Amino acid sequence: MSDSLSRWLEGERSTRDRSDHTITAYQGDLLAFLAFIGQYRGTPALPSNLHDLTQTDMRAFAASERGRGLGARSLARRLSAVRSFIRWLSDREGFEASKILNTRGPRYTRTLPRPLAPDQAQDVLDMAATGHETPWVAARDLAVLTLLYGCGLRISEALALDGRDWPIGESLLVRGKGGRERQVPVLPVARQAVGDYLRLSPWQPSAEEALFRGVRGARLSPGQVAGVMRLARERLGLPPSATPHAMRHSFATHLLAAGGDLRTIQELLGHASLSTTQVYTGVDDAHLLAVYRAAHPRA
């Protein structure tokens, strides 16, 4: 079973271009399932004895996971990974898996992103510019957050930039989830922010070294950027949803509100599916409804 699982995961990585994070999640999903089935049925889960799995087994697994506190969305992903593995295994072992594959995951409501208002996003950038007593650190924090809000980068994408990515031109080649590459336009204010940081920084990276550094020279971590946003929440009275990722949400939502089309925003964000980008239409609709209710005399 270990060999089968390893081969399936390698296939997901190489042929479907899954990210390392996704592969790790899938591995955890399958290990949880196989451990449960072994205990539930009283016999180790092997490729040769999974042919008689039923929907009852799948429902028992789902109930067990919900009982352990797993949310509906995480459970839906876990069941999807199990079905994908069983489909792959049935092709190689030659058994019928339709009963398992027809098992539906739980329904869940996709939560809407919670962006900042334009003035709140600007307040965060202004605070980052003066939020640290060491000038180069403040300039670094401003540069990173400007890339998140001004270019829609994920925090992992911004922190993965190396010395070879500087100087930044009118666009930046970004490697996102699943190894997908995209060209992202870079505003002059973002180029200037990164340039100001590098001019002040004691660390001048070579092509292979991290562009954004911590105070000891190591690559800047997402936790350190989260700390900057935590300080911004405290000083500006922002909600708990004001995280580094909220700056990316704000980028997409403000573009949409200004008339940007979904397909362009999808490309800028690096979403594999347009349905992922469409969630921002719900944010915009919710904002319009809130404005309507606040302003309409009969609301």
Protein backbone atom coordinates (compact mmCIF):
# COMPACT_ATOMS: atom_id res chain seq x y z
CA MET A 1 0.00 0.00 0.00
CA SER A 2 2.87 2.36 0.76
CA ASP A 3 4.27 1.74 -2.72
CA SER A 4 0.87 2.32 -4.35
CA LEU A 5 0.33 5.52 -2.42
CA SER A 6 3.80 6.80 -3.34
CA ARG A 7 3.24 6.09 -7.03
CA TRP A 8 -0.16 7.80 -7.01
CA LEU A 9 1.23 10.89 -5.29
CA GLU A 10 4.12 11.04 -7.75
CA GLY A 11 1.61 10.83 -10.60
CA GLU A 12 -0.39 13.70 -9.11
CA ARG A 13 2.79 15.76 -8.79
CA SER A 14 4.18 15.09 -12.26
CA THR A 15 1.13 14.73 -14.52
CA ARG A 16 -1.32 17.05 -12.78
CA ASP A 17 1.26 19.61 -11.62
CA ARG A 18 0.20 19.53 -7.98
CA SER A 19 2.11 21.75 -5.57
CA ASP A 20 4.18 20.35 -2.70
CA HIS A 21 1.57 21.68 -0.28
CA THR A 22 -1.21 19.82 -2.10
CA ILE A 23 0.80 16.59 -2.23
CA THR A 24 1.42 16.79 1.52
CA ALA A 25 -2.31 17.38 2.13
CA TYR A 26 -3.27 14.45 -0.10
CA GLN A 27 -0.83 12.19 1.67
CA GLY A 28 -2.37 13.10 5.03
CA ASP A 29 -5.87 12.55 3.64
CA LEU A 30 -5.05 9.05 2.38
CA LEU A 31 -3.13 8.01 5.47
CA ALA A 32 -6.10 9.03 7.62
CA PHE A 33 -8.48 7.07 5.41
CA LEU A 34 -6.36 3.92 5.24
CA ALA A 35 -5.78 3.93 8.99
CA PHE A 36 -9.51 4.29 9.61
CA ILE A 37 -10.47 1.52 7.15
CA GLY A 38 -7.92 -0.84 8.67
CA GLN A 39 -9.34 -0.30 12.15
CA TYR A 40 -12.98 -0.17 11.04
CA ARG A 41 -12.81 -3.44 9.11
CA GLY A 42 -10.35 -5.17 11.40
CA THR A 43 -7.81 -5.90 8.68
CA PRO A 44 -4.97 -3.85 7.17
CA ALA A 45 -5.95 -1.82 4.12
CA LEU A 46 -4.13 -3.33 1.14
CA PRO A 47 -4.50 -2.79 -2.61
CA SER A 48 -5.84 -6.31 -2.93
CA ASN A 49 -8.66 -5.94 -0.39
CA LEU A 50 -10.08 -2.49 -1.18
CA HIS A 51 -12.18 -3.83 -4.04
CA ASP A 52 -15.19 -4.43 -1.78
CA LEU A 53 -15.33 -1.00 -0.17
CA THR A 54 -18.88 0.34 0.02
CA GLN A 55 -20.63 3.63 0.54
CA THR A 56 -21.24 2.50 4.13
CA ASP A 57 -17.48 2.44 4.67
CA MET A 58 -17.13 5.89 3.16
CA ARG A 59 -19.97 7.29 5.26
CA ALA A 60 -18.46 5.80 8.40
CA PHE A 61 -15.14 7.45 7.58
CA ALA A 62 -16.86 10.78 6.94
CA ALA A 63 -18.79 10.54 10.22
CA SER A 64 -15.58 9.72 12.09
CA GLU A 65 -13.77 12.71 10.61
CA ARG A 66 -16.64 15.07 11.40
CA GLY A 67 -16.69 13.68 14.92
CA ARG A 68 -13.02 14.61 15.23
CA GLY A 69 -13.92 18.19 14.34
CA LEU A 70 -12.97 18.27 10.65
CA GLY A 71 -14.87 21.00 8.81
CA ALA A 72 -17.13 20.35 5.83
CA ARG A 73 -14.75 21.93 3.33
CA SER A 74 -11.73 19.98 4.58
CA LEU A 75 -13.76 16.78 4.62
CA ALA A 76 -14.91 17.38 1.04
CA ARG A 77 -11.26 17.70 -0.04
CA ARG A 78 -10.31 14.59 1.92
CA LEU A 79 -13.05 12.51 0.31
CA SER A 80 -12.11 13.84 -3.11
CA ALA A 81 -8.52 12.70 -2.59
CA VAL A 82 -9.73 9.26 -1.49
CA ARG A 83 -11.95 8.89 -4.54
CA SER A 84 -9.13 9.95 -6.85
CA PHE A 85 -6.78 7.39 -5.32
CA ILE A 86 -9.37 4.61 -5.45
CA ARG A 87 -10.10 5.42 -9.11
CA TRP A 88 -6.37 5.18 -9.88
CA LEU A 89 -6.03 1.95 -7.87
CA SER A 90 -9.08 0.31 -9.48
CA ASP A 91 -7.58 0.86 -12.94
CA ARG A 92 -4.43 -0.99 -11.89
CA GLU A 93 -6.01 -3.72 -9.78
CA GLY A 94 -8.90 -4.28 -12.16
CA PHE A 95 -11.84 -3.91 -9.79
CA GLU A 96 -15.13 -2.02 -10.00
CA ALA A 97 -15.11 1.13 -7.85
CA SER A 98 -18.38 2.83 -8.86
CA LYS A 99 -19.96 2.41 -5.42
CA ILE A 100 -17.13 4.34 -3.82
CA LEU A 101 -16.80 6.91 -6.58
CA ASN A 102 -20.51 7.76 -6.35
CA THR A 103 -20.13 8.81 -2.71
CA ARG A 104 -20.83 12.52 -2.41
CA GLY A 105 -18.92 14.85 -0.20
CA PRO A 106 -20.63 17.21 2.25
CA ARG A 107 -22.09 20.44 0.98
CA TYR A 108 -20.53 23.62 2.22
CA THR A 109 -20.91 27.30 1.57
CA ARG A 110 -17.79 28.89 0.20
CA THR A 111 -16.93 31.80 2.45
CA LEU A 112 -16.48 35.17 0.79
CA PRO A 113 -13.05 36.83 0.93
CA ARG A 114 -12.90 39.70 3.38
CA PRO A 115 -10.91 42.49 1.73
CA LEU A 116 -9.99 45.81 3.26
CA ALA A 117 -11.59 49.03 2.09
CA PRO A 118 -9.30 51.12 -0.16
CA ASP A 119 -8.58 53.63 2.59
CA GLN A 120 -7.84 50.80 5.06
CA ALA A 121 -5.38 49.20 2.64
CA GLN A 122 -3.62 52.55 2.23
CA ASP A 123 -3.53 52.99 6.01
CA VAL A 124 -1.81 49.60 6.32
CA LEU A 125 0.85 50.65 3.81
CA ASP A 126 1.34 53.99 5.54
CA MET A 127 1.72 52.26 8.90
CA ALA A 128 4.19 49.71 7.51
CA ALA A 129 6.37 52.57 6.21
CA THR A 130 6.91 53.82 9.76
CA GLY A 131 6.06 50.72 11.78
CA HIS A 132 9.61 49.68 12.67
CA GLU A 133 12.35 51.71 14.30
CA THR A 134 14.94 50.34 11.87
CA PRO A 135 14.46 52.18 8.55
CA TRP A 136 15.44 49.31 6.25
CA VAL A 137 13.06 46.91 8.03
CA ALA A 138 10.19 49.37 7.68
CA ALA A 139 11.07 49.79 3.99
CA ARG A 140 11.11 46.01 3.58
CA ASP A 141 7.69 45.61 5.17
CA LEU A 142 6.27 48.33 2.96
CA ALA A 143 7.78 46.72 -0.16
CA VAL A 144 6.33 43.28 0.60
CA LEU A 145 2.83 44.59 1.39
CA THR A 146 2.91 46.81 -1.68
CA LEU A 147 3.56 43.75 -3.86
CA LEU A 148 0.61 41.95 -2.23
CA TYR A 149 -1.80 44.85 -2.70
CA GLY A 150 -0.38 46.43 -5.85
CA CYS A 151 0.31 43.21 -7.80
CA GLY A 152 -1.99 40.67 -6.17
CA LEU A 153 0.84 38.33 -5.20
CA ARG A 154 0.42 35.56 -2.69
CA ILE A 155 2.66 35.97 0.34
CA SER A 156 4.57 32.84 -0.68
CA GLU A 157 5.15 34.30 -4.16
CA ALA A 158 6.48 37.59 -2.84
CA LEU A 159 8.82 35.93 -0.36
CA ALA A 160 10.08 33.47 -2.99
CA LEU A 161 11.58 36.32 -5.04
CA ASP A 162 15.36 36.18 -5.38
CA GLY A 163 18.08 38.61 -6.34
CA ARG A 164 17.73 37.55 -9.99
CA ASP A 165 14.24 39.11 -10.00
CA TRP A 166 15.71 42.59 -9.46
CA PRO A 167 15.59 45.03 -11.10
CA ILE A 168 11.87 44.65 -11.72
CA GLY A 169 10.60 45.97 -15.02
CA GLU A 170 7.05 46.76 -16.04
CA SER A 171 6.10 43.15 -15.37
CA LEU A 172 7.28 40.34 -13.13
CA LEU A 173 7.40 36.60 -13.88
CA VAL A 174 5.78 34.86 -10.92
CA ARG A 175 5.76 31.13 -10.24
CA GLY A 176 2.55 30.31 -8.38
CA LYS A 177 0.62 27.27 -7.20
CA GLY A 178 1.26 24.06 -9.06
CA GLY A 179 4.30 25.60 -10.71
CA ARG A 180 2.11 27.76 -12.96
CA GLU A 181 3.89 30.86 -14.23
CA ARG A 182 2.30 34.20 -15.03
CA GLN A 183 3.37 37.70 -15.96
CA VAL A 184 2.15 40.31 -13.46
CA PRO A 185 2.21 44.05 -14.26
CA VAL A 186 4.18 46.02 -11.69
CA LEU A 187 3.15 49.56 -10.78
CA PRO A 188 5.90 52.19 -10.48
CA VAL A 189 5.07 52.63 -6.80
CA ALA A 190 5.80 48.93 -6.22
CA ARG A 191 9.13 49.10 -8.07
CA GLN A 192 10.07 52.17 -6.07
CA ALA A 193 9.15 50.48 -2.77
CA VAL A 194 11.36 47.48 -3.54
CA GLY A 195 14.15 49.77 -4.75
CA ASP A 196 13.98 51.86 -1.57
CA TYR A 197 14.21 48.72 0.54
CA LEU A 198 17.26 47.41 -1.33
CA ARG A 199 18.98 50.79 -1.13
CA LEU A 200 18.63 50.77 2.67
CA SER A 201 19.10 47.05 3.29
CA PRO A 202 22.44 45.79 4.65
CA TRP A 203 21.85 42.63 2.59
CA GLN A 204 22.50 42.87 -1.12
CA PRO A 205 21.38 39.52 -2.53
CA SER A 206 23.10 37.62 -5.31
CA ALA A 207 20.98 36.03 -8.03
CA GLU A 208 20.33 32.88 -5.96
CA GLU A 209 19.70 34.59 -2.63
CA ALA A 210 16.44 35.82 -1.13
CA LEU A 211 15.33 39.30 -2.12
CA PHE A 212 13.54 39.89 1.18
CA ARG A 213 15.60 39.17 4.28
CA GLY A 214 15.03 39.02 8.00
CA VAL A 215 17.26 40.97 10.37
CA ARG A 216 19.70 38.04 10.56
CA GLY A 217 19.90 37.61 6.81
CA ALA A 218 17.66 34.58 6.36
CA ARG A 219 14.78 34.60 3.90
CA LEU A 220 11.84 36.54 5.33
CA SER A 221 9.12 34.20 6.63
CA PRO A 222 5.33 34.48 6.25
CA GLY A 223 5.07 34.63 10.04
CA GLN A 224 7.10 37.83 10.13
CA VAL A 225 4.82 39.48 7.57
CA ALA A 226 1.81 38.26 9.55
CA GLY A 227 3.31 40.03 12.55
CA VAL A 228 3.36 43.30 10.60
CA MET A 229 -0.33 42.88 9.81
CA ARG A 230 -1.07 42.00 13.41
CA LEU A 231 0.50 45.27 14.50
CA ALA A 232 -1.55 47.09 11.87
CA ARG A 233 -4.75 45.55 13.21
CA GLU A 234 -3.91 46.73 16.71
CA ARG A 235 -2.93 50.25 15.73
CA LEU A 236 -5.63 50.85 13.11
CA GLY A 237 -8.50 48.96 14.75
CA LEU A 238 -8.87 46.55 11.82
CA PRO A 239 -10.79 43.26 12.03
CA PRO A 240 -9.07 39.87 12.55
CA SER A 241 -9.55 39.17 8.83
CA ALA A 242 -6.90 41.82 8.04
CA THR A 243 -4.13 39.33 7.25
CA PRO A 244 -1.42 39.44 4.56
CA HIS A 245 -3.75 37.48 2.26
CA ALA A 246 -6.41 40.16 2.76
CA MET A 247 -4.15 42.53 0.82
CA ARG A 248 -4.36 40.17 -2.18
CA HIS A 249 -8.14 39.92 -1.71
CA SER A 250 -8.26 43.71 -1.66
CA PHE A 251 -6.30 43.89 -4.92
CA ALA A 252 -8.84 41.66 -6.69
CA THR A 253 -11.94 43.23 -5.17
CA HIS A 254 -10.88 46.81 -5.86
CA LEU A 255 -9.99 45.92 -9.47
CA LEU A 256 -13.42 44.35 -9.95
CA ALA A 257 -15.16 47.35 -8.42
CA ALA A 258 -13.24 49.62 -10.81
CA GLY A 259 -14.54 47.70 -13.82
CA GLY A 260 -11.97 44.95 -14.26
CA ASP A 261 -13.23 41.82 -15.99
CA LEU A 262 -13.09 38.43 -14.31
CA ARG A 263 -10.93 36.74 -16.93
CA THR A 264 -8.21 39.38 -16.59
CA ILE A 265 -8.34 39.23 -12.80
CA GLN A 266 -8.10 35.44 -13.00
CA GLU A 267 -4.88 35.76 -15.01
CA LEU A 268 -3.45 38.37 -12.65
CA LEU A 269 -4.18 36.22 -9.59
CA GLY A 270 -2.96 33.00 -11.20
CA HIS A 271 -6.17 31.06 -10.55
CA ALA A 272 -6.39 27.78 -12.45
CA SER A 273 -10.18 28.03 -12.65
CA LEU A 274 -12.44 30.99 -13.32
CA SER A 275 -14.84 29.66 -10.66
CA THR A 276 -12.20 30.49 -8.04
CA THR A 277 -12.10 34.10 -9.22
CA GLN A 278 -15.89 34.39 -9.39
CA VAL A 279 -16.06 34.41 -5.60
CA TYR A 280 -15.03 38.08 -5.78
CA THR A 281 -18.27 38.94 -7.56
CA GLY A 282 -20.03 37.91 -4.37
CA VAL A 283 -17.90 40.36 -2.39
CA ASP A 284 -18.75 43.17 -4.78
CA ASP A 285 -22.47 42.33 -4.70
CA ALA A 286 -22.42 42.22 -0.91
CA HIS A 287 -20.80 45.66 -0.83
CA LEU A 288 -23.40 47.12 -3.20
CA LEU A 289 -26.20 45.64 -1.12
CA ALA A 290 -24.74 47.09 2.07
CA VAL A 291 -24.50 50.54 0.45
CA TYR A 292 -28.09 50.22 -0.82
CA ARG A 293 -29.42 49.26 2.59
CA ALA A 294 -27.55 52.08 4.27
CA ALA A 295 -28.70 54.73 1.79
CA HIS A 296 -32.20 53.71 0.73
CA PRO A 297 -34.89 55.56 2.71
CA ARG A 298 -37.03 52.42 3.04
CA ALA A 299 -34.26 49.94 3.78
